[in-house]
Amino acid sequence: MNKFNQGQLNNFHDEVMKATFHYAVKRLGEKPPSRFAWFITGSGGREEQGYISDQDHGIIYEEKEATLQRYYQQLGKELSDGLNIVGYPYCDGNIMSSNPLWCQSQHEWYEQLESWLDEKSWATMRHLQIFFDARVLVGENEYINDLKRSVHKAVQKTPYYLKRLLDNIQHIKSSIGPLGQILTENHGSHKGEINIKYAAFLPFVNGIRLLSIKEGIVESSTLLRLERLMRKDLYKHALLPYHNDFQQLLILRHSLLTHVSTYEGGHYLNVRKLSKEEKSKIKVILKNGRRLHQYVEDVIEQEVK
């Protein structure tokens, strides 16, 4: 297995994106006129990026004011275009600073998060969870942390919000068949391959994020969230195996996907090319991802009774 350092890969992506940010500011010909935070979310926010990554990001600026709004929306456009040029494809879901929904003043962000919770639609619950993976690359860390704490306070006040968030992540792609075989795509360009993003990563990422929202944990990394959760007696022993599984999943993904050339291709493993040992490890991780999801569901159902 190839030696792999997730931290070094995260740092590489961070430096490229920060350089793009500073170049975007230079293109505008004016430094940011107020305090702000430029954050990334998705795998970048969680510090779990692969060799190829797309862009998911947003901006929070100090106050609602026309001049600031105009500047940061222009900056958001420069950032989205610049990241695309240097190799980070535009986000299909438009989770980018060029989208006014993801480029707002701090007060507007508070109102937006409250609105997402109140609306309780599938889309707004998804946006809320995407936001909770935010990590500041440039600017004020507390802008993000304060907003995350506001979500936690709302959940404490209305535990039913947790049930709505749980409903949003209920679909888990079937990955193990009745005979213990790995279920792969049966048609298309990825026939014979398994989408490890949906089958393996998301059961861990979604479940641990939801527990973090419940417990008021502001860290965005899945591993750091697990470590914080395991400091609590309720989760100490229950979550330990999943911490090890997720570490193994990160290592396996990078050891098996070193030659991908597209962002989409980085989500698929060709099962036929896996060794017996690799297949065995993947099967354990897939099964435990489903067990973790069931555990999180039980914890949330107990909370909202």
C-alpha atoms as a PDB file:
ATOM      1  CA  MET A   1       0.000   0.000   0.000  1.00  0.00           C
ATOM      2  CA  ASN A   2       1.310   3.438  -0.928  1.00  0.00           C
ATOM      3  CA  LYS A   3       2.358   5.669   1.923  1.00  0.00           C
ATOM      4  CA  PHE A   4      -0.174   8.460   2.184  1.00  0.00           C
ATOM      5  CA  ASN A   5      -0.455  11.660   4.209  1.00  0.00           C
ATOM      6  CA  GLN A   6      -3.924  13.235   4.115  1.00  0.00           C
ATOM      7  CA  GLY A   7      -2.643  16.327   5.907  1.00  0.00           C
ATOM      8  CA  GLN A   8      -0.072  17.070   3.209  1.00  0.00           C
ATOM      9  CA  LEU A   9      -2.690  16.703   0.482  1.00  0.00           C
ATOM     10  CA  ASN A  10      -5.086  19.025   2.340  1.00  0.00           C
ATOM     11  CA  ASN A  11      -2.314  21.591   2.757  1.00  0.00           C
ATOM     12  CA  PHE A  12      -1.556  21.450  -0.962  1.00  0.00           C
ATOM     13  CA  HIS A  13      -5.187  22.149  -1.873  1.00  0.00           C
ATOM     14  CA  ASP A  14      -5.396  24.900   0.765  1.00  0.00           C
ATOM     15  CA  GLU A  15      -2.327  26.683  -0.597  1.00  0.00           C
ATOM     16  CA  VAL A  16      -3.586  26.537  -4.186  1.00  0.00           C
ATOM     17  CA  MET A  17      -6.965  27.938  -3.176  1.00  0.00           C
ATOM     18  CA  LYS A  18      -5.455  30.657  -0.977  1.00  0.00           C
ATOM     19  CA  ALA A  19      -3.210  31.716  -3.855  1.00  0.00           C
ATOM     20  CA  THR A  20      -6.289  31.886  -6.080  1.00  0.00           C
ATOM     21  CA  PHE A  21      -8.019  34.042  -3.475  1.00  0.00           C
ATOM     22  CA  HIS A  22      -5.163  36.533  -3.290  1.00  0.00           C
ATOM     23  CA  TYR A  23      -4.970  36.704  -7.085  1.00  0.00           C
ATOM     24  CA  ALA A  24      -8.734  37.352  -7.238  1.00  0.00           C
ATOM     25  CA  VAL A  25      -8.330  40.247  -4.781  1.00  0.00           C
ATOM     26  CA  LYS A  26      -5.486  41.602  -6.886  1.00  0.00           C
ATOM     27  CA  ARG A  27      -7.654  41.478 -10.007  1.00  0.00           C
ATOM     28  CA  LEU A  28     -10.296  43.587  -8.273  1.00  0.00           C
ATOM     29  CA  GLY A  29      -7.668  46.228  -7.537  1.00  0.00           C
ATOM     30  CA  GLU A  30      -8.913  46.788  -4.014  1.00  0.00           C
ATOM     31  CA  LYS A  31      -8.391  44.922  -0.749  1.00  0.00           C
ATOM     32  CA  PRO A  32     -11.468  43.614   1.095  1.00  0.00           C
ATOM     33  CA  PRO A  33     -13.169  46.695   2.630  1.00  0.00           C
ATOM     34  CA  SER A  34     -14.321  44.964   5.835  1.00  0.00           C
ATOM     35  CA  ARG A  35     -13.795  41.940   8.021  1.00  0.00           C
ATOM     36  CA  PHE A  36     -14.903  38.746   6.272  1.00  0.00           C
ATOM     37  CA  ALA A  37     -14.498  34.995   6.076  1.00  0.00           C
ATOM     38  CA  TRP A  38     -13.968  32.999   2.908  1.00  0.00           C
ATOM     39  CA  PHE A  39     -14.807  29.389   3.700  1.00  0.00           C
ATOM     40  CA  ILE A  40     -14.746  26.096   1.873  1.00  0.00           C
ATOM     41  CA  THR A  41     -17.102  23.218   2.522  1.00  0.00           C
ATOM     42  CA  GLY A  42     -17.605  19.694   1.162  1.00  0.00           C
ATOM     43  CA  SER A  43     -14.564  17.407   1.284  1.00  0.00           C
ATOM     44  CA  GLY A  44     -12.288  20.461   1.435  1.00  0.00           C
ATOM     45  CA  GLY A  45     -14.070  21.786   4.484  1.00  0.00           C
ATOM     46  CA  ARG A  46     -13.772  18.377   6.126  1.00  0.00           C
ATOM     47  CA  GLU A  47     -10.074  18.088   5.134  1.00  0.00           C
ATOM     48  CA  GLU A  48     -10.831  14.873   3.241  1.00  0.00           C
ATOM     49  CA  GLN A  49     -10.026  15.863  -0.334  1.00  0.00           C
ATOM     50  CA  GLY A  50      -8.846  13.466  -2.973  1.00  0.00           C
ATOM     51  CA  TYR A  51      -6.177  14.207  -5.553  1.00  0.00           C
ATOM     52  CA  ILE A  52      -8.828  15.894  -7.694  1.00  0.00           C
ATOM     53  CA  SER A  53     -11.478  18.072  -6.068  1.00  0.00           C
ATOM     54  CA  ASP A  54     -14.292  20.368  -7.147  1.00  0.00           C
ATOM     55  CA  GLN A  55     -15.133  23.710  -5.529  1.00  0.00           C
ATOM     56  CA  ASP A  56     -17.580  24.339  -2.678  1.00  0.00           C
ATOM     57  CA  HIS A  57     -17.204  27.713  -0.952  1.00  0.00           C
ATOM     58  CA  GLY A  58     -18.875  30.846   0.354  1.00  0.00           C
ATOM     59  CA  ILE A  59     -18.298  34.274   1.882  1.00  0.00           C
ATOM     60  CA  ILE A  60     -19.461  35.939   5.089  1.00  0.00           C
ATOM     61  CA  TYR A  61     -18.820  39.672   5.382  1.00  0.00           C
ATOM     62  CA  GLU A  62     -19.165  42.074   8.257  1.00  0.00           C
ATOM     63  CA  GLU A  63     -22.418  43.934   7.683  1.00  0.00           C
ATOM     64  CA  LYS A  64     -25.286  44.375   5.257  1.00  0.00           C
ATOM     65  CA  GLU A  65     -24.287  47.371   3.157  1.00  0.00           C
ATOM     66  CA  ALA A  66     -24.553  47.995  -0.595  1.00  0.00           C
ATOM     67  CA  THR A  67     -20.864  48.766  -1.180  1.00  0.00           C
ATOM     68  CA  LEU A  68     -19.754  45.645   0.692  1.00  0.00           C
ATOM     69  CA  GLN A  69     -22.328  43.506  -1.067  1.00  0.00           C
ATOM     70  CA  ARG A  70     -21.136  44.694  -4.450  1.00  0.00           C
ATOM     71  CA  TYR A  71     -17.453  44.087  -3.637  1.00  0.00           C
ATOM     72  CA  TYR A  72     -17.895  40.582  -2.199  1.00  0.00           C
ATOM     73  CA  GLN A  73     -20.193  39.430  -4.964  1.00  0.00           C
ATOM     74  CA  GLN A  74     -17.567  40.554  -7.492  1.00  0.00           C
ATOM     75  CA  LEU A  75     -14.922  38.773  -5.451  1.00  0.00           C
ATOM     76  CA  GLY A  76     -17.086  35.645  -5.374  1.00  0.00           C
ATOM     77  CA  LYS A  77     -17.316  35.650  -9.159  1.00  0.00           C
ATOM     78  CA  GLU A  78     -13.540  36.045  -9.494  1.00  0.00           C
ATOM     79  CA  LEU A  79     -12.995  33.184  -7.043  1.00  0.00           C
ATOM     80  CA  SER A  80     -15.334  30.754  -8.805  1.00  0.00           C
ATOM     81  CA  ASP A  81     -13.834  31.509 -12.215  1.00  0.00           C
ATOM     82  CA  GLY A  82     -10.269  31.451 -10.893  1.00  0.00           C
ATOM     83  CA  LEU A  83     -10.679  28.096  -9.141  1.00  0.00           C
ATOM     84  CA  ASN A  84     -12.166  26.612 -12.287  1.00  0.00           C
ATOM     85  CA  ILE A  85      -9.171  27.831 -14.298  1.00  0.00           C
ATOM     86  CA  VAL A  86      -6.630  26.251 -11.917  1.00  0.00           C
ATOM     87  CA  GLY A  87      -8.385  22.887 -11.949  1.00  0.00           C
ATOM     88  CA  TYR A  88     -11.318  22.912  -9.512  1.00  0.00           C
ATOM     89  CA  PRO A  89     -14.494  22.372 -11.588  1.00  0.00           C
ATOM     90  CA  TYR A  90     -17.538  24.535 -10.929  1.00  0.00           C
ATOM     91  CA  CYS A  91     -19.885  23.017  -8.350  1.00  0.00           C
ATOM     92  CA  ASP A  92     -22.911  21.379  -9.995  1.00  0.00           C
ATOM     93  CA  GLY A  93     -25.032  22.447  -7.015  1.00  0.00           C
ATOM     94  CA  ASN A  94     -23.842  26.067  -7.293  1.00  0.00           C
ATOM     95  CA  ILE A  95     -22.357  26.037  -3.778  1.00  0.00           C
ATOM     96  CA  MET A  96     -19.969  28.860  -4.684  1.00  0.00           C
ATOM     97  CA  SER A  97     -19.223  32.419  -3.601  1.00  0.00           C
ATOM     98  CA  SER A  98     -20.517  33.633  -6.970  1.00  0.00           C
ATOM     99  CA  ASN A  99     -24.009  32.537  -5.869  1.00  0.00           C
ATOM    100  CA  PRO A 100     -25.629  35.314  -3.724  1.00  0.00           C
ATOM    101  CA  LEU A 101     -27.126  32.569  -1.539  1.00  0.00           C
ATOM    102  CA  TRP A 102     -23.582  31.703  -0.426  1.00  0.00           C
ATOM    103  CA  CYS A 103     -22.200  35.267  -0.263  1.00  0.00           C
ATOM    104  CA  GLN A 104     -23.926  37.332   2.429  1.00  0.00           C
ATOM    105  CA  SER A 105     -23.374  39.512   5.475  1.00  0.00           C
ATOM    106  CA  GLN A 106     -23.071  37.902   8.894  1.00  0.00           C
ATOM    107  CA  HIS A 107     -26.559  39.034   9.894  1.00  0.00           C
ATOM    108  CA  GLU A 108     -28.040  37.716   6.646  1.00  0.00           C
ATOM    109  CA  TRP A 109     -26.336  34.383   7.248  1.00  0.00           C
ATOM    110  CA  TYR A 110     -27.977  34.134  10.706  1.00  0.00           C
ATOM    111  CA  GLU A 111     -31.345  34.817   9.099  1.00  0.00           C
ATOM    112  CA  GLN A 112     -30.691  32.341   6.298  1.00  0.00           C
ATOM    113  CA  LEU A 113     -29.759  29.507   8.654  1.00  0.00           C
ATOM    114  CA  GLU A 114     -32.868  30.192  10.712  1.00  0.00           C
ATOM    115  CA  SER A 115     -34.949  30.191   7.525  1.00  0.00           C
ATOM    116  CA  TRP A 116     -33.445  26.877   6.397  1.00  0.00           C
ATOM    117  CA  LEU A 117     -34.349  25.310   9.739  1.00  0.00           C
ATOM    118  CA  ASP A 118     -37.877  26.699   9.706  1.00  0.00           C
ATOM    119  CA  GLU A 119     -38.594  25.690   6.119  1.00  0.00           C
ATOM    120  CA  LYS A 120     -37.527  22.118   6.779  1.00  0.00           C
ATOM    121  CA  SER A 121     -37.566  21.114   3.085  1.00  0.00           C
ATOM    122  CA  TRP A 122     -35.177  18.478   1.764  1.00  0.00           C
ATOM    123  CA  ALA A 123     -33.144  21.173  -0.047  1.00  0.00           C
ATOM    124  CA  THR A 124     -32.794  23.502   2.939  1.00  0.00           C
ATOM    125  CA  MET A 125     -31.838  20.659   5.284  1.00  0.00           C
ATOM    126  CA  ARG A 126     -29.185  19.653   2.750  1.00  0.00           C
ATOM    127  CA  HIS A 127     -27.886  23.224   2.546  1.00  0.00           C
ATOM    128  CA  LEU A 128     -27.700  23.355   6.331  1.00  0.00           C
ATOM    129  CA  GLN A 129     -25.579  20.213   6.469  1.00  0.00           C
ATOM    130  CA  ILE A 130     -23.332  21.485   3.680  1.00  0.00           C
ATOM    131  CA  PHE A 131     -22.811  24.695   5.644  1.00  0.00           C
ATOM    132  CA  PHE A 132     -21.910  22.763   8.792  1.00  0.00           C
ATOM    133  CA  ASP A 133     -18.850  21.338   7.006  1.00  0.00           C
ATOM    134  CA  ALA A 134     -17.521  24.878   6.431  1.00  0.00           C
ATOM    135  CA  ARG A 135     -13.894  25.696   7.276  1.00  0.00           C
ATOM    136  CA  VAL A 136     -12.404  29.186   6.952  1.00  0.00           C
ATOM    137  CA  LEU A 137      -9.453  29.498   4.576  1.00  0.00           C
ATOM    138  CA  VAL A 138      -9.037  33.286   4.701  1.00  0.00           C
ATOM    139  CA  GLY A 139     -10.496  35.667   7.273  1.00  0.00           C
ATOM    140  CA  GLU A 140     -12.368  35.414  10.565  1.00  0.00           C
ATOM    141  CA  ASN A 141     -12.775  31.887  11.987  1.00  0.00           C
ATOM    142  CA  GLU A 142     -15.311  33.052  14.534  1.00  0.00           C
ATOM    143  CA  TYR A 143     -17.776  34.059  11.840  1.00  0.00           C
ATOM    144  CA  ILE A 144     -18.254  30.392  10.966  1.00  0.00           C
ATOM    145  CA  ASN A 145     -18.092  29.088  14.528  1.00  0.00           C
ATOM    146  CA  ASP A 146     -20.694  31.577  15.781  1.00  0.00           C
ATOM    147  CA  LEU A 147     -23.071  30.589  12.989  1.00  0.00           C
ATOM    148  CA  LYS A 148     -22.591  26.890  13.733  1.00  0.00           C
ATOM    149  CA  ARG A 149     -23.295  27.535  17.410  1.00  0.00           C
ATOM    150  CA  SER A 150     -26.539  29.265  16.434  1.00  0.00           C
ATOM    151  CA  VAL A 151     -27.655  26.063  14.686  1.00  0.00           C
ATOM    152  CA  HIS A 152     -26.759  24.018  17.765  1.00  0.00           C
ATOM    153  CA  LYS A 153     -28.795  26.350  20.005  1.00  0.00           C
ATOM    154  CA  ALA A 154     -31.775  26.041  17.677  1.00  0.00           C
ATOM    155  CA  VAL A 155     -31.494  22.230  17.743  1.00  0.00           C
ATOM    156  CA  GLN A 156     -31.300  22.239  21.542  1.00  0.00           C
ATOM    157  CA  LYS A 157     -34.436  24.363  21.684  1.00  0.00           C
ATOM    158  CA  THR A 158     -36.282  22.264  19.077  1.00  0.00           C
ATOM    159  CA  PRO A 159     -34.914  18.666  19.047  1.00  0.00           C
ATOM    160  CA  TYR A 160     -37.308  17.761  16.218  1.00  0.00           C
ATOM    161  CA  TYR A 161     -34.925  19.580  13.871  1.00  0.00           C
ATOM    162  CA  LEU A 162     -32.575  16.628  14.382  1.00  0.00           C
ATOM    163  CA  LYS A 163     -35.245  14.266  13.056  1.00  0.00           C
ATOM    164  CA  ARG A 164     -35.643  16.415   9.949  1.00  0.00           C
ATOM    165  CA  LEU A 165     -31.879  16.404   9.429  1.00  0.00           C
ATOM    166  CA  LEU A 166     -31.853  12.622   9.897  1.00  0.00           C
ATOM    167  CA  ASP A 167     -34.599  12.197   7.296  1.00  0.00           C
ATOM    168  CA  ASN A 168     -32.383  14.112   4.860  1.00  0.00           C
ATOM    169  CA  ILE A 169     -29.619  11.492   5.025  1.00  0.00           C
ATOM    170  CA  GLN A 170     -31.717   8.334   5.178  1.00  0.00           C
ATOM    171  CA  HIS A 171     -30.924   7.031   1.709  1.00  0.00           C
ATOM    172  CA  ILE A 172     -27.819   4.848   1.762  1.00  0.00           C
ATOM    173  CA  LYS A 173     -26.688   3.180  -1.442  1.00  0.00           C
ATOM    174  CA  SER A 174     -26.815  -0.620  -1.123  1.00  0.00           C
ATOM    175  CA  SER A 175     -23.268  -1.885  -1.268  1.00  0.00           C
ATOM    176  CA  ILE A 176     -23.228  -5.483   0.040  1.00  0.00           C
ATOM    177  CA  GLY A 177     -25.376  -8.202  -1.523  1.00  0.00           C
ATOM    178  CA  PRO A 178     -27.155 -11.103   0.238  1.00  0.00           C
ATOM    179  CA  LEU A 179     -24.207 -13.397  -0.442  1.00  0.00           C
ATOM    180  CA  GLY A 180     -21.694 -10.894   0.934  1.00  0.00           C
ATOM    181  CA  GLN A 181     -20.582  -9.668  -2.480  1.00  0.00           C
ATOM    182  CA  ILE A 182     -19.771  -6.007  -3.228  1.00  0.00           C
ATOM    183  CA  LEU A 183     -22.591  -4.542  -5.315  1.00  0.00           C
ATOM    184  CA  THR A 184     -21.267  -2.598  -8.302  1.00  0.00           C
ATOM    185  CA  GLU A 185     -22.740  -0.443 -11.043  1.00  0.00           C
ATOM    186  CA  ASN A 186     -24.399  -2.759 -13.584  1.00  0.00           C
ATOM    187  CA  HIS A 187     -24.420  -0.411 -16.574  1.00  0.00           C
ATOM    188  CA  GLY A 188     -22.829   2.724 -17.950  1.00  0.00           C
ATOM    189  CA  SER A 189     -19.215   3.864 -18.049  1.00  0.00           C
ATOM    190  CA  HIS A 190     -18.612   2.690 -14.462  1.00  0.00           C
ATOM    191  CA  LYS A 191     -19.998  -0.825 -14.897  1.00  0.00           C
ATOM    192  CA  GLY A 192     -18.249  -3.211 -12.507  1.00  0.00           C
ATOM    193  CA  GLU A 193     -17.183  -0.344 -10.215  1.00  0.00           C
ATOM    194  CA  ILE A 194     -18.434   0.879  -6.851  1.00  0.00           C
ATOM    195  CA  ASN A 195     -19.061   4.530  -6.024  1.00  0.00           C
ATOM    196  CA  ILE A 196     -17.206   4.818  -2.732  1.00  0.00           C
ATOM    197  CA  LYS A 197     -18.401   8.392  -2.157  1.00  0.00           C
ATOM    198  CA  TYR A 198     -22.015   7.292  -1.753  1.00  0.00           C
ATOM    199  CA  ALA A 199     -21.519   3.707  -0.591  1.00  0.00           C
ATOM    200  CA  ALA A 200     -18.640   4.229   1.846  1.00  0.00           C
ATOM    201  CA  PHE A 201     -17.894   7.860   2.703  1.00  0.00           C
ATOM    202  CA  LEU A 202     -21.342   9.374   3.119  1.00  0.00           C
ATOM    203  CA  PRO A 203     -22.644   6.960   5.798  1.00  0.00           C
ATOM    204  CA  PHE A 204     -19.684   7.980   7.984  1.00  0.00           C
ATOM    205  CA  VAL A 205     -19.626  11.672   7.051  1.00  0.00           C
ATOM    206  CA  ASN A 206     -23.379  12.224   7.364  1.00  0.00           C
ATOM    207  CA  GLY A 207     -23.798  10.293  10.588  1.00  0.00           C
ATOM    208  CA  ILE A 208     -20.902  11.908  12.429  1.00  0.00           C
ATOM    209  CA  ARG A 209     -21.901  15.375  11.183  1.00  0.00           C
ATOM    210  CA  LEU A 210     -25.392  14.921  12.608  1.00  0.00           C
ATOM    211  CA  LEU A 211     -24.059  13.870  16.010  1.00  0.00           C
ATOM    212  CA  SER A 212     -21.752  16.904  15.904  1.00  0.00           C
ATOM    213  CA  ILE A 213     -24.685  19.237  15.237  1.00  0.00           C
ATOM    214  CA  LYS A 214     -26.502  17.635  18.167  1.00  0.00           C
ATOM    215  CA  GLU A 215     -23.520  18.067  20.487  1.00  0.00           C
ATOM    216  CA  GLY A 216     -22.450  21.556  19.347  1.00  0.00           C
ATOM    217  CA  ILE A 217     -19.101  20.507  17.875  1.00  0.00           C
ATOM    218  CA  VAL A 218     -17.820  23.165  15.455  1.00  0.00           C
ATOM    219  CA  GLU A 219     -14.908  21.214  13.951  1.00  0.00           C
ATOM    220  CA  SER A 220     -15.467  20.200  10.340  1.00  0.00           C
ATOM    221  CA  SER A 221     -13.148  17.177   9.925  1.00  0.00           C
ATOM    222  CA  THR A 222     -14.897  13.818  10.370  1.00  0.00           C
ATOM    223  CA  LEU A 223     -11.918  12.423  12.297  1.00  0.00           C
ATOM    224  CA  LEU A 224     -11.743  15.467  14.599  1.00  0.00           C
ATOM    225  CA  ARG A 225     -15.485  15.264  15.144  1.00  0.00           C
ATOM    226  CA  LEU A 226     -15.143  11.614  16.099  1.00  0.00           C
ATOM    227  CA  GLU A 227     -12.361  12.448  18.538  1.00  0.00           C
ATOM    228  CA  ARG A 228     -14.447  15.196  20.131  1.00  0.00           C
ATOM    229  CA  LEU A 229     -17.496  12.947  20.375  1.00  0.00           C
ATOM    230  CA  MET A 230     -15.481  10.137  21.952  1.00  0.00           C
ATOM    231  CA  ARG A 231     -14.570  12.433  24.840  1.00  0.00           C
ATOM    232  CA  LYS A 232     -18.200  12.099  25.913  1.00  0.00           C
ATOM    233  CA  ASP A 233     -19.233   9.013  27.863  1.00  0.00           C
ATOM    234  CA  LEU A 234     -22.238   8.405  25.616  1.00  0.00           C
ATOM    235  CA  TYR A 235     -20.041   7.823  22.552  1.00  0.00           C
ATOM    236  CA  LYS A 236     -16.661   6.818  23.987  1.00  0.00           C
ATOM    237  CA  HIS A 237     -16.827   3.100  23.224  1.00  0.00           C
ATOM    238  CA  ALA A 238     -19.541   3.056  20.577  1.00  0.00           C
ATOM    239  CA  LEU A 239     -17.639   5.226  18.081  1.00  0.00           C
ATOM    240  CA  LEU A 240     -14.083   3.906  18.484  1.00  0.00           C
ATOM    241  CA  PRO A 241     -14.369   1.236  15.736  1.00  0.00           C
ATOM    242  CA  TYR A 242     -15.734   3.808  13.292  1.00  0.00           C
ATOM    243  CA  HIS A 243     -12.777   6.120  13.892  1.00  0.00           C
ATOM    244  CA  ASN A 244     -10.469   3.309  12.806  1.00  0.00           C
ATOM    245  CA  ASP A 245     -12.697   2.455   9.828  1.00  0.00           C
ATOM    246  CA  PHE A 246     -12.696   6.015   8.543  1.00  0.00           C
ATOM    247  CA  GLN A 247      -8.924   6.284   8.813  1.00  0.00           C
ATOM    248  CA  GLN A 248      -8.620   3.075   6.790  1.00  0.00           C
ATOM    249  CA  LEU A 249     -11.118   4.372   4.238  1.00  0.00           C
ATOM    250  CA  LEU A 250      -9.056   7.520   3.610  1.00  0.00           C
ATOM    251  CA  ILE A 251      -5.899   5.456   3.167  1.00  0.00           C
ATOM    252  CA  LEU A 252      -7.564   2.899   0.884  1.00  0.00           C
ATOM    253  CA  ARG A 253      -9.124   5.557  -1.330  1.00  0.00           C
ATOM    254  CA  HIS A 254      -5.778   7.173  -2.038  1.00  0.00           C
ATOM    255  CA  SER A 255      -3.819   3.967  -2.419  1.00  0.00           C
ATOM    256  CA  LEU A 256      -6.340   2.668  -4.964  1.00  0.00           C
ATOM    257  CA  LEU A 257      -7.093   5.886  -6.847  1.00  0.00           C
ATOM    258  CA  THR A 258      -3.682   7.315  -7.689  1.00  0.00           C
ATOM    259  CA  HIS A 259      -4.220   7.415 -11.469  1.00  0.00           C
ATOM    260  CA  VAL A 260      -7.622   9.110 -11.814  1.00  0.00           C
ATOM    261  CA  SER A 261      -7.822  12.024 -14.239  1.00  0.00           C
ATOM    262  CA  THR A 262     -11.322  13.396 -13.563  1.00  0.00           C
ATOM    263  CA  TYR A 263     -13.234  14.504 -10.469  1.00  0.00           C
ATOM    264  CA  GLU A 264     -16.013  11.965 -11.095  1.00  0.00           C
ATOM    265  CA  GLY A 265     -13.503   9.184 -11.674  1.00  0.00           C
ATOM    266  CA  GLY A 266     -12.129   9.747  -8.174  1.00  0.00           C
ATOM    267  CA  HIS A 267     -15.361   8.373  -6.713  1.00  0.00           C
ATOM    268  CA  TYR A 268     -15.195   4.912  -8.276  1.00  0.00           C
ATOM    269  CA  LEU A 269     -13.257   1.737  -7.501  1.00  0.00           C
ATOM    270  CA  ASN A 270     -12.938  -1.106  -9.990  1.00  0.00           C
ATOM    271  CA  VAL A 271     -13.722  -4.102  -7.791  1.00  0.00           C
ATOM    272  CA  ARG A 272     -12.186  -6.571 -10.246  1.00  0.00           C
ATOM    273  CA  LYS A 273      -8.783  -4.967  -9.763  1.00  0.00           C
ATOM    274  CA  LEU A 274      -8.859  -5.184  -5.961  1.00  0.00           C
ATOM    275  CA  SER A 275      -6.767  -7.760  -4.149  1.00  0.00           C
ATOM    276  CA  LYS A 276      -8.448 -10.245  -1.812  1.00  0.00           C
ATOM    277  CA  GLU A 277      -7.182  -8.245   1.173  1.00  0.00           C
ATOM    278  CA  GLU A 278      -8.443  -4.959  -0.259  1.00  0.00           C
ATOM    279  CA  LYS A 279     -11.873  -6.442  -0.974  1.00  0.00           C
ATOM    280  CA  SER A 280     -12.045  -7.728   2.589  1.00  0.00           C
ATOM    281  CA  LYS A 281     -11.187  -4.316   4.040  1.00  0.00           C
ATOM    282  CA  ILE A 282     -13.697  -2.523   1.831  1.00  0.00           C
ATOM    283  CA  LYS A 283     -16.450  -4.977   2.814  1.00  0.00           C
ATOM    284  CA  VAL A 284     -15.831  -4.378   6.513  1.00  0.00           C
ATOM    285  CA  ILE A 285     -15.928  -0.610   6.025  1.00  0.00           C
ATOM    286  CA  LEU A 286     -19.144  -0.787   3.965  1.00  0.00           C
ATOM    287  CA  LYS A 287     -20.886  -2.958   6.556  1.00  0.00           C
ATOM    288  CA  ASN A 288     -19.750  -0.750   9.432  1.00  0.00           C
ATOM    289  CA  GLY A 289     -20.916   2.379   7.635  1.00  0.00           C
ATOM    290  CA  ARG A 290     -24.441   0.973   7.672  1.00  0.00           C
ATOM    291  CA  ARG A 291     -24.080   0.009  11.327  1.00  0.00           C
ATOM    292  CA  LEU A 292     -22.950   3.538  12.165  1.00  0.00           C
ATOM    293  CA  HIS A 293     -25.947   4.978  10.337  1.00  0.00           C
ATOM    294  CA  GLN A 294     -28.286   2.748  12.357  1.00  0.00           C
ATOM    295  CA  TYR A 295     -26.543   3.763  15.587  1.00  0.00           C
ATOM    296  CA  VAL A 296     -26.957   7.474  14.764  1.00  0.00           C
ATOM    297  CA  GLU A 297     -30.613   6.899  13.889  1.00  0.00           C
ATOM    298  CA  ASP A 298     -31.189   5.204  17.263  1.00  0.00           C
ATOM    299  CA  VAL A 299     -29.482   8.086  19.130  1.00  0.00           C
ATOM    300  CA  ILE A 300     -31.559  10.729  17.332  1.00  0.00           C
ATOM    301  CA  GLU A 301     -34.835   8.831  17.723  1.00  0.00           C
ATOM    302  CA  GLN A 302     -34.154   8.573  21.454  1.00  0.00           C
ATOM    303  CA  GLU A 303     -33.389  12.304  21.607  1.00  0.00           C
ATOM    304  CA  VAL A 304     -36.641  13.395  19.973  1.00  0.00           C
ATOM    305  CA  LYS A 305     -39.016  11.081  21.866  1.00  0.00           C
END
